[in-house]
Amino acid sequence: MVAELGPLMTSRWQVFAICFAGLLVPTFLMGLSLPLLAKAVVARIEQAANRIGLL
């Protein structure tokens, strides 16, 4: 795929845009997973620090 797209990208900004777009969704999903998991495993606020630390 790089060999096919390489000649089409002539500037650094195009390379940056492709890399940014390719990493945007996985980064968003990884950032979203910890708050969702934390909310799922913590029933009481007293247990929050210990349980989230184990995650």
N, C-alpha and C. Protein backbone atom coordinates (compact mmCIF):
# COMPACT_ATOMS: atom_id res chain seq x y z
N MET A 1 0.82 -1.19 0.00
CA MET A 1 0.00 0.00 0.00
C MET A 1 0.88 1.26 0.00
N VAL A 2 1.96 1.23 0.74
CA VAL A 2 2.86 2.38 0.77
C VAL A 2 3.47 2.61 -0.60
N ALA A 3 3.79 1.54 -1.28
CA ALA A 3 4.38 1.68 -2.62
C ALA A 3 3.39 2.32 -3.59
N GLU A 4 2.11 2.06 -3.39
CA GLU A 4 1.09 2.63 -4.27
C GLU A 4 0.80 4.09 -3.92
N LEU A 5 0.76 4.42 -2.64
CA LEU A 5 0.43 5.77 -2.22
C LEU A 5 1.64 6.70 -2.20
N GLY A 6 2.83 6.15 -2.12
CA GLY A 6 4.04 6.96 -2.03
C GLY A 6 4.18 8.00 -3.13
N PRO A 7 4.05 7.63 -4.39
CA PRO A 7 4.20 8.63 -5.46
C PRO A 7 3.10 9.69 -5.46
N LEU A 8 1.94 9.39 -4.88
CA LEU A 8 0.83 10.34 -4.88
C LEU A 8 1.01 11.45 -3.84
N MET A 9 1.76 11.15 -2.79
CA MET A 9 1.95 12.13 -1.73
C MET A 9 3.25 12.90 -1.98
N THR A 10 3.10 14.15 -2.32
CA THR A 10 4.27 14.94 -2.68
C THR A 10 4.73 15.88 -1.57
N SER A 11 3.89 16.14 -0.58
CA SER A 11 4.31 17.06 0.48
C SER A 11 4.24 16.37 1.84
N ARG A 12 4.93 16.96 2.78
CA ARG A 12 4.93 16.41 4.14
C ARG A 12 3.55 16.53 4.77
N TRP A 13 2.80 17.56 4.41
CA TRP A 13 1.47 17.75 4.98
C TRP A 13 0.52 16.64 4.52
N GLN A 14 0.69 16.14 3.33
CA GLN A 14 -0.14 15.03 2.87
C GLN A 14 0.19 13.77 3.65
N VAL A 15 1.47 13.53 3.89
CA VAL A 15 1.87 12.37 4.68
C VAL A 15 1.34 12.51 6.10
N PHE A 16 1.45 13.70 6.67
CA PHE A 16 0.93 13.95 8.00
C PHE A 16 -0.57 13.69 8.07
N ALA A 17 -1.31 14.18 7.09
CA ALA A 17 -2.77 14.01 7.07
C ALA A 17 -3.16 12.53 7.00
N ILE A 18 -2.46 11.76 6.19
CA ILE A 18 -2.76 10.33 6.07
C ILE A 18 -2.46 9.61 7.39
N CYS A 19 -1.32 9.91 7.98
CA CYS A 19 -0.96 9.28 9.25
C CYS A 19 -1.93 9.69 10.36
N PHE A 20 -2.28 10.96 10.40
CA PHE A 20 -3.21 11.46 11.41
C PHE A 20 -4.57 10.78 11.28
N ALA A 21 -5.07 10.69 10.07
CA ALA A 21 -6.37 10.05 9.84
C ALA A 21 -6.33 8.56 10.20
N GLY A 22 -5.22 7.91 9.91
CA GLY A 22 -5.11 6.49 10.21
C GLY A 22 -5.02 6.20 11.70
N LEU A 23 -4.50 7.14 12.47
CA LEU A 23 -4.34 6.93 13.91
C LEU A 23 -5.47 7.52 14.74
N LEU A 24 -6.32 8.32 14.14
CA LEU A 24 -7.37 9.01 14.88
C LEU A 24 -8.37 8.04 15.52
N VAL A 25 -8.91 7.12 14.77
CA VAL A 25 -9.93 6.21 15.29
C VAL A 25 -9.37 5.27 16.37
N PRO A 26 -8.23 4.60 16.15
CA PRO A 26 -7.73 3.73 17.22
C PRO A 26 -7.38 4.49 18.49
N THR A 27 -6.84 5.70 18.35
CA THR A 27 -6.51 6.50 19.52
C THR A 27 -7.76 6.90 20.27
N PHE A 28 -8.79 7.28 19.56
CA PHE A 28 -10.06 7.64 20.19
C PHE A 28 -10.65 6.45 20.95
N LEU A 29 -10.62 5.28 20.33
CA LEU A 29 -11.19 4.10 20.98
C LEU A 29 -10.38 3.66 22.20
N MET A 30 -9.06 3.78 22.13
CA MET A 30 -8.24 3.44 23.31
C MET A 30 -8.50 4.43 24.44
N GLY A 31 -8.65 5.70 24.12
CA GLY A 31 -8.93 6.70 25.13
C GLY A 31 -10.30 6.54 25.74
N LEU A 32 -11.22 6.02 24.99
CA LEU A 32 -12.58 5.81 25.47
C LEU A 32 -12.70 4.56 26.34
N SER A 33 -11.83 3.59 26.15
CA SER A 33 -11.98 2.31 26.84
C SER A 33 -11.75 2.40 28.34
N LEU A 34 -10.76 3.16 28.81
CA LEU A 34 -10.50 3.22 30.25
C LEU A 34 -11.66 3.83 31.03
N PRO A 35 -12.23 4.95 30.63
CA PRO A 35 -13.38 5.46 31.40
C PRO A 35 -14.57 4.49 31.41
N LEU A 36 -14.80 3.82 30.30
CA LEU A 36 -15.91 2.86 30.28
C LEU A 36 -15.63 1.66 31.18
N LEU A 37 -14.40 1.14 31.13
CA LEU A 37 -14.05 0.03 32.01
C LEU A 37 -14.08 0.44 33.47
N ALA A 38 -13.60 1.62 33.77
CA ALA A 38 -13.60 2.11 35.15
C ALA A 38 -15.02 2.21 35.68
N LYS A 39 -15.91 2.72 34.86
CA LYS A 39 -17.31 2.83 35.29
C LYS A 39 -17.94 1.46 35.49
N ALA A 40 -17.52 0.48 34.71
CA ALA A 40 -18.08 -0.87 34.81
C ALA A 40 -17.59 -1.62 36.04
N VAL A 41 -16.36 -1.38 36.48
CA VAL A 41 -15.82 -2.17 37.59
C VAL A 41 -15.96 -1.50 38.95
N VAL A 42 -16.30 -0.23 39.00
CA VAL A 42 -16.41 0.47 40.28
C VAL A 42 -17.87 0.59 40.67
N ALA A 43 -18.21 -0.04 41.79
CA ALA A 43 -19.58 0.05 42.30
C ALA A 43 -19.71 1.15 43.34
N ARG A 44 -18.68 1.31 44.17
CA ARG A 44 -18.70 2.33 45.23
C ARG A 44 -17.44 3.18 45.11
N ILE A 45 -17.56 4.44 45.46
CA ILE A 45 -16.45 5.38 45.31
C ILE A 45 -15.27 4.99 46.20
N GLU A 46 -15.52 4.31 47.29
CA GLU A 46 -14.44 3.89 48.20
C GLU A 46 -13.50 2.88 47.53
N GLN A 47 -14.01 2.13 46.59
CA GLN A 47 -13.22 1.11 45.90
C GLN A 47 -12.57 1.62 44.62
N ALA A 48 -12.85 2.84 44.25
CA ALA A 48 -12.45 3.35 42.93
C ALA A 48 -10.95 3.30 42.71
N ALA A 49 -10.17 3.81 43.64
CA ALA A 49 -8.72 3.88 43.43
C ALA A 49 -8.10 2.50 43.26
N ASN A 50 -8.48 1.56 44.09
CA ASN A 50 -7.93 0.22 44.03
C ASN A 50 -8.33 -0.49 42.73
N ARG A 51 -9.59 -0.44 42.39
CA ARG A 51 -10.07 -1.15 41.21
C ARG A 51 -9.52 -0.55 39.91
N ILE A 52 -9.49 0.77 39.82
CA ILE A 52 -8.97 1.40 38.61
C ILE A 52 -7.47 1.16 38.50
N GLY A 53 -6.78 1.11 39.65
CA GLY A 53 -5.35 0.79 39.64
C GLY A 53 -5.09 -0.60 39.11
N LEU A 54 -5.98 -1.54 39.38
CA LEU A 54 -5.82 -2.90 38.87
C LEU A 54 -6.05 -2.99 37.35
N LEU A 55 -6.84 -2.09 36.83
CA LEU A 55 -7.07 -2.09 35.38
C LEU A 55 -5.77 -1.78 34.66
